[in-house]
């Protein structure tokens, strides 16, 4: 599904417009209380407060929810060029627990983009800046644009 909007030509403005279009349809991220802190060409930073319903039997943030935060930052970073892009693979290493009441921040950075594929590193940190998880995502560009109307030759 695409939205019809004027397409910005400035890379930063394009990344912001793409993020706004994606966010309008991203019910999962909204339901988890995620917030977009920043986006740019090949980058995104999202945050999520760990609620009581997000902790597991050890009373720490469920790993799947940390993964979801990292995966969402990855999605916003790799779609920032307005080319529909999905994950082709990813992995995560949990290095410290997320705690109830803390705000986790996931920062995604593009490491490589060539042809239809890309590699992105996402670091999830707690409010004190301590690394909670390290996520690496591999992306694959598919047909279409996030915001309809972009000429593929200009991308």
N, C-alpha and C. Protein backbone atom coordinates (compact mmCIF):
# COMPACT_ATOMS: atom_id res chain seq x y z
N UNK A 1 0.84 -1.17 0.00
CA UNK A 1 0.00 0.00 0.00
C UNK A 1 0.88 1.23 0.00
N UNK A 2 0.56 2.18 -0.84
CA UNK A 2 1.34 3.41 -0.89
C UNK A 2 0.41 4.60 -0.68
N UNK A 3 0.98 5.70 -0.25
CA UNK A 3 0.24 6.94 -0.09
C UNK A 3 0.67 7.88 -1.21
N UNK A 4 -0.25 8.74 -1.67
CA UNK A 4 0.09 9.70 -2.71
C UNK A 4 0.37 11.05 -2.06
N UNK A 5 1.60 11.48 -2.13
CA UNK A 5 2.06 12.73 -1.55
C UNK A 5 3.08 13.34 -2.50
N UNK A 6 3.35 14.64 -2.31
CA UNK A 6 4.46 15.26 -3.00
C UNK A 6 5.73 14.64 -2.44
N UNK A 7 6.66 14.31 -3.31
CA UNK A 7 7.88 13.63 -2.88
C UNK A 7 9.00 14.65 -2.70
N UNK A 8 9.52 14.80 -1.48
CA UNK A 8 10.65 15.71 -1.27
C UNK A 8 11.88 15.25 -2.03
N UNK A 9 12.70 16.18 -2.46
CA UNK A 9 13.94 15.83 -3.15
C UNK A 9 15.15 15.86 -2.22
N UNK A 10 15.07 16.61 -1.13
CA UNK A 10 16.14 16.65 -0.14
C UNK A 10 16.16 15.32 0.61
N UNK A 11 17.32 14.65 0.72
CA UNK A 11 17.37 13.34 1.37
C UNK A 11 16.83 13.32 2.80
N UNK A 12 17.12 14.36 3.59
CA UNK A 12 16.62 14.40 4.96
C UNK A 12 15.11 14.57 4.97
N UNK A 13 14.60 15.47 4.15
CA UNK A 13 13.15 15.68 4.08
C UNK A 13 12.45 14.42 3.58
N UNK A 14 13.08 13.72 2.64
CA UNK A 14 12.51 12.47 2.13
C UNK A 14 12.44 11.43 3.25
N UNK A 15 13.51 11.27 4.00
CA UNK A 15 13.52 10.31 5.11
C UNK A 15 12.42 10.64 6.12
N UNK A 16 12.23 11.91 6.42
CA UNK A 16 11.18 12.32 7.36
C UNK A 16 9.79 12.05 6.80
N UNK A 17 9.59 12.33 5.52
CA UNK A 17 8.28 12.08 4.89
C UNK A 17 7.97 10.58 4.84
N UNK A 18 8.98 9.78 4.54
CA UNK A 18 8.79 8.33 4.51
C UNK A 18 8.45 7.82 5.91
N UNK A 19 9.16 8.31 6.92
CA UNK A 19 8.88 7.89 8.29
C UNK A 19 7.45 8.25 8.68
N UNK A 20 7.01 9.44 8.32
CA UNK A 20 5.63 9.86 8.65
C UNK A 20 4.61 8.95 7.96
N UNK A 21 4.87 8.61 6.70
CA UNK A 21 3.95 7.73 5.97
C UNK A 21 3.94 6.33 6.59
N UNK A 22 5.12 5.81 6.92
CA UNK A 22 5.18 4.49 7.54
C UNK A 22 4.49 4.51 8.90
N UNK A 23 4.77 5.54 9.70
CA UNK A 23 4.20 5.62 11.04
C UNK A 23 2.67 5.62 10.99
N UNK A 24 2.12 6.28 10.01
CA UNK A 24 0.65 6.36 9.92
C UNK A 24 0.01 4.98 9.77
N UNK A 25 0.79 3.99 9.30
CA UNK A 25 0.27 2.63 9.11
C UNK A 25 0.87 1.62 10.09
N UNK A 26 1.80 2.04 10.93
CA UNK A 26 2.57 1.13 11.80
C UNK A 26 1.85 0.92 13.13
N UNK A 27 0.79 0.14 13.09
CA UNK A 27 -0.01 -0.08 14.29
C UNK A 27 0.75 -0.87 15.35
N UNK A 28 1.65 -1.74 14.95
CA UNK A 28 2.42 -2.53 15.92
C UNK A 28 3.30 -1.60 16.76
N UNK A 29 4.06 -0.73 16.11
CA UNK A 29 4.94 0.19 16.84
C UNK A 29 4.14 1.13 17.72
N UNK A 30 3.02 1.60 17.20
CA UNK A 30 2.17 2.48 18.00
C UNK A 30 1.64 1.77 19.23
N UNK A 31 1.19 0.52 19.07
CA UNK A 31 0.64 -0.25 20.19
C UNK A 31 1.69 -0.51 21.27
N UNK A 32 2.95 -0.64 20.86
CA UNK A 32 4.03 -0.87 21.82
C UNK A 32 4.52 0.43 22.45
N UNK A 33 3.96 1.56 22.05
CA UNK A 33 4.35 2.84 22.62
C UNK A 33 5.67 3.37 22.11
N UNK A 34 6.10 2.90 20.94
CA UNK A 34 7.36 3.39 20.38
C UNK A 34 7.20 4.83 19.94
N UNK A 35 8.33 5.52 19.90
CA UNK A 35 8.39 6.90 19.42
C UNK A 35 9.54 7.03 18.44
N UNK A 36 9.32 7.76 17.38
CA UNK A 36 10.40 8.08 16.45
C UNK A 36 11.13 9.28 17.01
N UNK A 37 12.40 9.11 17.33
CA UNK A 37 13.20 10.20 17.88
C UNK A 37 13.91 10.98 16.77
N UNK A 38 14.38 10.25 15.76
CA UNK A 38 15.10 10.88 14.65
C UNK A 38 15.16 9.90 13.48
N UNK A 39 15.16 10.46 12.27
CA UNK A 39 15.38 9.66 11.06
C UNK A 39 16.26 10.47 10.13
N UNK A 40 16.93 9.77 9.25
CA UNK A 40 17.75 10.39 8.23
C UNK A 40 18.03 9.36 7.16
N UNK A 41 18.73 9.74 6.12
CA UNK A 41 19.07 8.76 5.08
C UNK A 41 19.86 7.59 5.66
N UNK A 42 19.26 6.42 5.71
CA UNK A 42 19.94 5.23 6.22
C UNK A 42 20.07 5.16 7.72
N UNK A 43 19.39 6.03 8.45
CA UNK A 43 19.47 6.01 9.91
C UNK A 43 18.09 6.20 10.52
N UNK A 44 17.93 5.71 11.73
CA UNK A 44 16.70 5.95 12.50
C UNK A 44 16.98 5.68 13.96
N UNK A 45 16.35 6.47 14.82
CA UNK A 45 16.41 6.26 16.26
C UNK A 45 14.99 6.24 16.79
N UNK A 46 14.64 5.14 17.46
CA UNK A 46 13.32 4.98 18.05
C UNK A 46 13.48 4.64 19.52
N UNK A 47 12.47 4.98 20.30
CA UNK A 47 12.50 4.67 21.73
C UNK A 47 11.21 3.97 22.14
N UNK A 48 11.27 3.31 23.28
CA UNK A 48 10.11 2.60 23.81
C UNK A 48 10.27 2.49 25.33
N UNK A 49 9.27 2.93 26.07
CA UNK A 49 9.27 2.76 27.52
C UNK A 49 8.82 1.35 27.84
N UNK A 50 9.55 0.68 28.73
CA UNK A 50 9.22 -0.68 29.13
C UNK A 50 8.08 -0.61 30.15
N UNK A 51 6.92 -1.06 29.72
CA UNK A 51 5.73 -1.07 30.57
C UNK A 51 5.67 -2.36 31.38
N UNK A 52 4.80 -2.38 32.36
CA UNK A 52 4.61 -3.56 33.19
C UNK A 52 4.18 -4.78 32.41
N UNK A 53 3.42 -4.57 31.33
CA UNK A 53 2.96 -5.70 30.53
C UNK A 53 4.01 -6.15 29.52
N UNK A 54 5.22 -5.62 29.61
CA UNK A 54 6.30 -5.99 28.70
C UNK A 54 7.38 -6.83 29.39
N UNK A 55 7.20 -7.10 30.68
CA UNK A 55 8.22 -7.86 31.40
C UNK A 55 7.85 -9.34 31.43
N UNK A 56 8.88 -10.16 31.50
CA UNK A 56 8.69 -11.61 31.52
C UNK A 56 8.72 -12.15 32.95
N UNK A 57 8.83 -13.45 33.09
CA UNK A 57 8.84 -14.10 34.39
C UNK A 57 10.04 -13.78 35.25
N UNK A 58 11.07 -13.19 34.67
CA UNK A 58 12.25 -12.75 35.43
C UNK A 58 12.14 -11.28 35.79
N UNK A 59 11.01 -10.68 35.45
CA UNK A 59 10.73 -9.26 35.67
C UNK A 59 11.72 -8.35 34.93
N UNK A 60 12.09 -8.79 33.73
CA UNK A 60 12.89 -7.96 32.83
C UNK A 60 12.15 -7.90 31.50
N UNK A 61 12.50 -6.94 30.67
CA UNK A 61 11.81 -6.77 29.40
C UNK A 61 11.94 -8.04 28.55
N UNK A 62 10.83 -8.47 28.02
CA UNK A 62 10.80 -9.65 27.16
C UNK A 62 11.72 -9.40 25.95
N UNK A 63 12.58 -10.36 25.65
CA UNK A 63 13.52 -10.21 24.54
C UNK A 63 12.84 -9.95 23.20
N UNK A 64 11.67 -10.53 23.00
CA UNK A 64 10.95 -10.31 21.75
C UNK A 64 10.54 -8.86 21.57
N UNK A 65 10.31 -8.15 22.66
CA UNK A 65 9.94 -6.74 22.57
C UNK A 65 11.16 -5.87 22.31
N UNK A 66 12.30 -6.26 22.86
CA UNK A 66 13.55 -5.55 22.54
C UNK A 66 13.86 -5.77 21.06
N UNK A 67 13.67 -7.00 20.59
CA UNK A 67 13.86 -7.30 19.18
C UNK A 67 12.93 -6.44 18.32
N UNK A 68 11.68 -6.31 18.74
CA UNK A 68 10.71 -5.52 17.97
C UNK A 68 11.15 -4.06 17.86
N UNK A 69 11.67 -3.50 18.94
CA UNK A 69 12.17 -2.12 18.90
C UNK A 69 13.33 -2.00 17.91
N UNK A 70 14.28 -2.91 18.00
CA UNK A 70 15.44 -2.87 17.10
C UNK A 70 15.00 -3.08 15.66
N UNK A 71 14.11 -4.01 15.42
CA UNK A 71 13.62 -4.31 14.09
C UNK A 71 12.87 -3.13 13.49
N UNK A 72 12.15 -2.41 14.32
CA UNK A 72 11.41 -1.24 13.84
C UNK A 72 12.37 -0.11 13.46
N UNK A 73 13.40 0.11 14.26
CA UNK A 73 14.41 1.12 13.90
C UNK A 73 15.07 0.73 12.58
N UNK A 74 15.38 -0.55 12.43
CA UNK A 74 15.94 -1.08 11.19
C UNK A 74 15.02 -0.77 10.01
N UNK A 75 13.74 -1.01 10.17
CA UNK A 75 12.77 -0.77 9.08
C UNK A 75 12.74 0.70 8.66
N UNK A 76 12.74 1.60 9.63
CA UNK A 76 12.69 3.03 9.30
C UNK A 76 14.00 3.48 8.64
N UNK A 77 15.11 2.93 9.06
CA UNK A 77 16.40 3.29 8.46
C UNK A 77 16.49 2.80 7.02
N UNK A 78 16.14 1.55 6.76
CA UNK A 78 16.35 1.01 5.41
C UNK A 78 15.27 1.43 4.42
N UNK A 79 14.16 1.97 4.89
CA UNK A 79 13.13 2.49 3.99
C UNK A 79 13.24 3.99 3.78
N UNK A 80 14.21 4.64 4.39
CA UNK A 80 14.33 6.10 4.37
C UNK A 80 14.52 6.68 2.98
N UNK A 81 14.91 5.84 2.02
CA UNK A 81 15.13 6.32 0.65
C UNK A 81 13.86 6.22 -0.21
N UNK A 82 12.76 5.83 0.42
CA UNK A 82 11.47 5.67 -0.24
C UNK A 82 11.43 4.50 -1.21
N UNK A 83 12.25 3.51 -0.97
CA UNK A 83 12.21 2.26 -1.75
C UNK A 83 11.72 1.18 -0.80
N UNK A 84 10.64 0.49 -1.15
CA UNK A 84 10.13 -0.56 -0.27
C UNK A 84 11.24 -1.57 0.02
N UNK A 85 11.54 -1.74 1.29
CA UNK A 85 12.64 -2.60 1.71
C UNK A 85 12.19 -3.43 2.90
N UNK A 86 12.53 -4.71 2.86
CA UNK A 86 12.15 -5.64 3.93
C UNK A 86 13.39 -6.32 4.47
N UNK A 87 13.23 -7.00 5.59
CA UNK A 87 14.33 -7.75 6.18
C UNK A 87 14.50 -9.07 5.43
N UNK A 88 15.74 -9.40 5.12
CA UNK A 88 16.02 -10.73 4.55
C UNK A 88 16.65 -11.62 5.61
N UNK A 89 17.11 -11.03 6.68
CA UNK A 89 17.68 -11.78 7.79
C UNK A 89 18.14 -10.83 8.87
N UNK A 90 18.21 -11.34 10.08
CA UNK A 90 18.70 -10.51 11.18
C UNK A 90 19.08 -11.41 12.35
N UNK A 91 19.89 -10.85 13.23
CA UNK A 91 20.21 -11.54 14.47
C UNK A 91 20.37 -10.52 15.57
N UNK A 92 20.25 -11.00 16.79
CA UNK A 92 20.34 -10.10 17.94
C UNK A 92 21.13 -10.79 19.04
N UNK A 93 21.92 -10.01 19.73
CA UNK A 93 22.61 -10.47 20.94
C UNK A 93 22.12 -9.60 22.08
N UNK A 94 21.57 -10.24 23.11
CA UNK A 94 21.13 -9.55 24.31
C UNK A 94 22.30 -9.50 25.28
N UNK A 95 22.70 -8.30 25.68
CA UNK A 95 23.89 -8.18 26.52
C UNK A 95 23.58 -7.65 27.92
N UNK A 96 22.39 -7.12 28.13
CA UNK A 96 21.97 -6.64 29.45
C UNK A 96 20.45 -6.58 29.46
N UNK A 97 19.82 -6.66 30.61
CA UNK A 97 18.36 -6.64 30.65
C UNK A 97 17.79 -5.23 30.52
N UNK A 98 16.60 -5.16 29.93
CA UNK A 98 15.81 -3.94 29.97
C UNK A 98 14.91 -4.05 31.18
N UNK A 99 14.69 -2.96 31.87
CA UNK A 99 13.94 -3.01 33.12
C UNK A 99 12.65 -2.21 33.02
N UNK A 100 11.66 -2.67 33.74
CA UNK A 100 10.37 -1.97 33.77
C UNK A 100 10.57 -0.51 34.17
N UNK A 101 9.90 0.37 33.45
CA UNK A 101 9.99 1.80 33.72
C UNK A 101 11.10 2.50 32.96
N UNK A 102 12.06 1.74 32.46
CA UNK A 102 13.17 2.33 31.71
C UNK A 102 12.73 2.62 30.28
N UNK A 103 13.37 3.57 29.65
CA UNK A 103 13.13 3.84 28.24
C UNK A 103 14.31 3.31 27.45
N UNK A 104 14.02 2.41 26.54
CA UNK A 104 15.04 1.84 25.66
C UNK A 104 15.09 2.65 24.37
N UNK A 105 16.28 2.83 23.84
CA UNK A 105 16.46 3.56 22.58
C UNK A 105 17.24 2.69 21.62
N UNK A 106 16.71 2.56 20.40
CA UNK A 106 17.37 1.78 19.35
C UNK A 106 17.86 2.73 18.28
N UNK A 107 19.15 2.68 18.01
CA UNK A 107 19.76 3.53 16.98
C UNK A 107 20.24 2.65 15.84
N UNK A 108 19.66 2.87 14.66
CA UNK A 108 20.00 2.09 13.46
C UNK A 108 20.92 2.90 12.56
N UNK A 109 21.96 2.24 12.05
CA UNK A 109 22.94 2.87 11.17
C UNK A 109 23.20 1.96 9.98
N UNK A 110 23.12 2.53 8.81
CA UNK A 110 23.42 1.78 7.58
C UNK A 110 24.92 1.55 7.50
N UNK A 111 25.31 0.30 7.29
CA UNK A 111 26.72 -0.04 7.14
C UNK A 111 27.09 -0.27 5.69
N UNK A 112 26.13 -0.77 4.90
CA UNK A 112 26.38 -1.06 3.50
C UNK A 112 25.05 -1.05 2.76
N UNK A 113 25.05 -0.48 1.57
CA UNK A 113 23.88 -0.53 0.70
C UNK A 113 24.39 -0.63 -0.73
N UNK A 114 24.03 -1.71 -1.39
CA UNK A 114 24.50 -1.93 -2.75
C UNK A 114 23.45 -2.75 -3.50
N UNK A 115 23.05 -2.25 -4.65
CA UNK A 115 22.03 -2.97 -5.40
C UNK A 115 20.74 -3.05 -4.61
N UNK A 116 20.25 -4.26 -4.42
CA UNK A 116 18.98 -4.46 -3.71
C UNK A 116 19.18 -4.80 -2.23
N UNK A 117 20.44 -4.89 -1.77
CA UNK A 117 20.68 -5.35 -0.40
C UNK A 117 21.39 -4.29 0.45
N UNK A 118 21.23 -4.45 1.74
CA UNK A 118 21.90 -3.56 2.69
C UNK A 118 22.17 -4.28 3.99
N UNK A 119 23.07 -3.69 4.78
CA UNK A 119 23.39 -4.20 6.11
C UNK A 119 23.28 -3.03 7.08
N UNK A 120 22.58 -3.28 8.19
CA UNK A 120 22.33 -2.24 9.18
C UNK A 120 22.67 -2.77 10.57
N UNK A 121 23.32 -1.93 11.37
CA UNK A 121 23.60 -2.26 12.76
C UNK A 121 22.72 -1.40 13.65
N UNK A 122 22.08 -2.05 14.62
CA UNK A 122 21.19 -1.37 15.54
C UNK A 122 21.67 -1.65 16.95
N UNK A 123 21.87 -0.59 17.72
CA UNK A 123 22.26 -0.71 19.11
C UNK A 123 21.09 -0.26 19.96
N UNK A 124 20.70 -1.11 20.90
CA UNK A 124 19.63 -0.77 21.85
C UNK A 124 20.29 -0.44 23.18
N UNK A 125 19.96 0.74 23.71
CA UNK A 125 20.54 1.19 24.98
C UNK A 125 19.43 1.52 25.97
N UNK A 126 19.77 1.46 27.26
CA UNK A 126 18.82 1.88 28.29
C UNK A 126 18.98 3.38 28.52
N UNK A 127 18.21 3.90 29.47
CA UNK A 127 18.24 5.35 29.74
C UNK A 127 19.60 5.85 30.20
N UNK A 128 20.38 4.97 30.82
CA UNK A 128 21.72 5.35 31.28
C UNK A 128 22.77 5.24 30.18
N UNK A 129 22.36 4.78 29.00
CA UNK A 129 23.30 4.63 27.89
C UNK A 129 23.97 3.28 27.83
N UNK A 130 23.61 2.37 28.73
CA UNK A 130 24.20 1.03 28.74
C UNK A 130 23.60 0.21 27.59
N UNK A 131 24.47 -0.52 26.89
CA UNK A 131 24.01 -1.34 25.77
C UNK A 131 23.21 -2.52 26.30
N UNK A 132 22.01 -2.68 25.75
CA UNK A 132 21.10 -3.76 26.12
C UNK A 132 21.15 -4.86 25.07
N UNK A 133 21.23 -4.47 23.79
CA UNK A 133 21.23 -5.46 22.71
C UNK A 133 21.95 -4.91 21.49
N UNK A 134 22.52 -5.83 20.73
CA UNK A 134 23.17 -5.53 19.44
C UNK A 134 22.44 -6.34 18.38
N UNK A 135 21.93 -5.66 17.37
CA UNK A 135 21.11 -6.26 16.33
C UNK A 135 21.75 -5.96 14.98
N UNK A 136 21.84 -6.94 14.11
CA UNK A 136 22.30 -6.70 12.75
C UNK A 136 21.21 -7.17 11.81
N UNK A 137 20.80 -6.27 10.91
CA UNK A 137 19.76 -6.61 9.96
C UNK A 137 20.28 -6.55 8.54
N UNK A 138 19.84 -7.48 7.74
CA UNK A 138 20.14 -7.48 6.31
C UNK A 138 18.85 -7.18 5.58
N UNK A 139 18.92 -6.22 4.67
CA UNK A 139 17.71 -5.76 3.98
C UNK A 139 17.71 -6.19 2.52
N UNK A 140 16.49 -6.23 1.97
CA UNK A 140 16.30 -6.55 0.57
C UNK A 140 15.24 -5.63 0.00
N UNK A 141 15.59 -4.91 -1.05
CA UNK A 141 14.65 -3.98 -1.68
C UNK A 141 13.70 -4.73 -2.59
N UNK A 142 12.40 -4.46 -2.42
CA UNK A 142 11.37 -5.07 -3.24
C UNK A 142 10.73 -3.99 -4.12
N UNK A 143 9.77 -4.35 -4.92
CA UNK A 143 9.13 -3.39 -5.82
C UNK A 143 8.33 -2.35 -5.03
N UNK A 144 8.29 -1.15 -5.58
CA UNK A 144 7.42 -0.11 -5.05
C UNK A 144 8.12 0.89 -4.15
N UNK A 145 7.34 1.90 -3.78
CA UNK A 145 7.82 2.96 -2.91
C UNK A 145 6.90 3.07 -1.70
N UNK A 146 7.43 3.60 -0.62
CA UNK A 146 6.63 3.84 0.57
C UNK A 146 5.62 4.96 0.27
N UNK A 147 6.12 6.03 -0.34
CA UNK A 147 5.27 7.13 -0.76
C UNK A 147 5.18 7.05 -2.28
N UNK A 148 3.99 6.84 -2.82
CA UNK A 148 3.82 6.64 -4.26
C UNK A 148 4.25 7.86 -5.05
N UNK A 149 4.81 7.58 -6.22
CA UNK A 149 5.11 8.66 -7.16
C UNK A 149 6.57 8.93 -7.40
N UNK A 150 7.47 8.36 -6.61
CA UNK A 150 8.90 8.60 -6.80
C UNK A 150 9.36 7.89 -8.07
N UNK A 151 10.03 8.63 -8.92
CA UNK A 151 10.61 8.05 -10.14
C UNK A 151 11.78 7.18 -9.74
N UNK A 152 11.74 5.91 -10.08
CA UNK A 152 12.79 4.96 -9.70
C UNK A 152 14.16 5.41 -10.18
N UNK A 153 14.24 6.12 -11.28
CA UNK A 153 15.53 6.56 -11.81
C UNK A 153 16.17 7.62 -10.93
N UNK A 154 15.38 8.32 -10.13
CA UNK A 154 15.91 9.39 -9.27
C UNK A 154 16.32 8.88 -7.90
N UNK A 155 15.96 7.66 -7.56
CA UNK A 155 16.22 7.12 -6.22
C UNK A 155 17.67 6.79 -6.02
